[in-house]
């Protein structure tokens, strides 16, 4: 996963959804 990208909020949301699956 890239960090410091222009779409940081989107990356955080994707990471949250991935954790929420478990």
N, C-alpha and C. Protein backbone atom coordinates (compact mmCIF):
# COMPACT_ATOMS: atom_id res chain seq x y z
N UNK A 1 0.85 -1.21 0.00
CA UNK A 1 0.00 0.00 0.00
C UNK A 1 0.88 1.25 0.00
N UNK A 2 0.58 2.17 -0.87
CA UNK A 2 1.36 3.41 -0.94
C UNK A 2 0.98 4.33 0.20
N UNK A 3 1.95 5.11 0.68
CA UNK A 3 1.70 6.04 1.78
C UNK A 3 2.12 7.44 1.36
N UNK A 4 1.34 8.45 1.75
CA UNK A 4 1.69 9.83 1.41
C UNK A 4 1.20 10.19 0.02
N UNK A 5 0.28 9.41 -0.50
CA UNK A 5 -0.26 9.70 -1.83
C UNK A 5 -1.30 10.81 -1.77
N UNK A 6 -1.71 11.32 -2.93
CA UNK A 6 -2.70 12.40 -2.99
C UNK A 6 -4.07 11.94 -2.50
N UNK A 7 -4.29 10.63 -2.55
CA UNK A 7 -5.59 10.10 -2.12
C UNK A 7 -5.44 9.38 -0.79
N UNK A 8 -4.80 10.06 0.18
CA UNK A 8 -4.52 9.44 1.47
C UNK A 8 -5.82 9.05 2.16
N UNK A 9 -6.84 9.93 2.09
CA UNK A 9 -8.13 9.64 2.75
C UNK A 9 -8.73 8.36 2.17
N UNK A 10 -8.63 8.19 0.86
CA UNK A 10 -9.19 7.00 0.22
C UNK A 10 -8.46 5.76 0.70
N UNK A 11 -7.14 5.87 0.85
CA UNK A 11 -6.34 4.73 1.31
C UNK A 11 -6.73 4.37 2.73
N UNK A 12 -6.93 5.39 3.58
CA UNK A 12 -7.31 5.12 4.97
C UNK A 12 -8.68 4.45 5.01
N UNK A 13 -9.59 4.88 4.14
CA UNK A 13 -10.93 4.28 4.10
C UNK A 13 -10.83 2.83 3.68
N UNK A 14 -10.01 2.55 2.67
CA UNK A 14 -9.84 1.17 2.20
C UNK A 14 -9.26 0.31 3.30
N UNK A 15 -8.28 0.86 4.03
CA UNK A 15 -7.66 0.10 5.12
C UNK A 15 -8.68 -0.16 6.22
N UNK A 16 -9.53 0.82 6.51
CA UNK A 16 -10.54 0.66 7.56
C UNK A 16 -11.54 -0.42 7.15
N UNK A 17 -11.95 -0.40 5.89
CA UNK A 17 -12.91 -1.39 5.42
C UNK A 17 -12.30 -2.79 5.48
N UNK A 18 -11.01 -2.88 5.17
CA UNK A 18 -10.34 -4.18 5.19
C UNK A 18 -10.31 -4.73 6.61
N UNK A 19 -10.05 -3.86 7.60
CA UNK A 19 -10.01 -4.30 9.00
C UNK A 19 -11.43 -4.63 9.46
N UNK A 20 -12.40 -3.85 8.97
CA UNK A 20 -13.78 -4.04 9.40
C UNK A 20 -14.32 -5.39 8.92
N UNK A 21 -13.76 -5.93 7.84
CA UNK A 21 -14.22 -7.23 7.35
C UNK A 21 -13.98 -8.30 8.39
N UNK A 22 -12.85 -8.23 9.08
CA UNK A 22 -12.54 -9.22 10.11
C UNK A 22 -13.40 -8.95 11.32
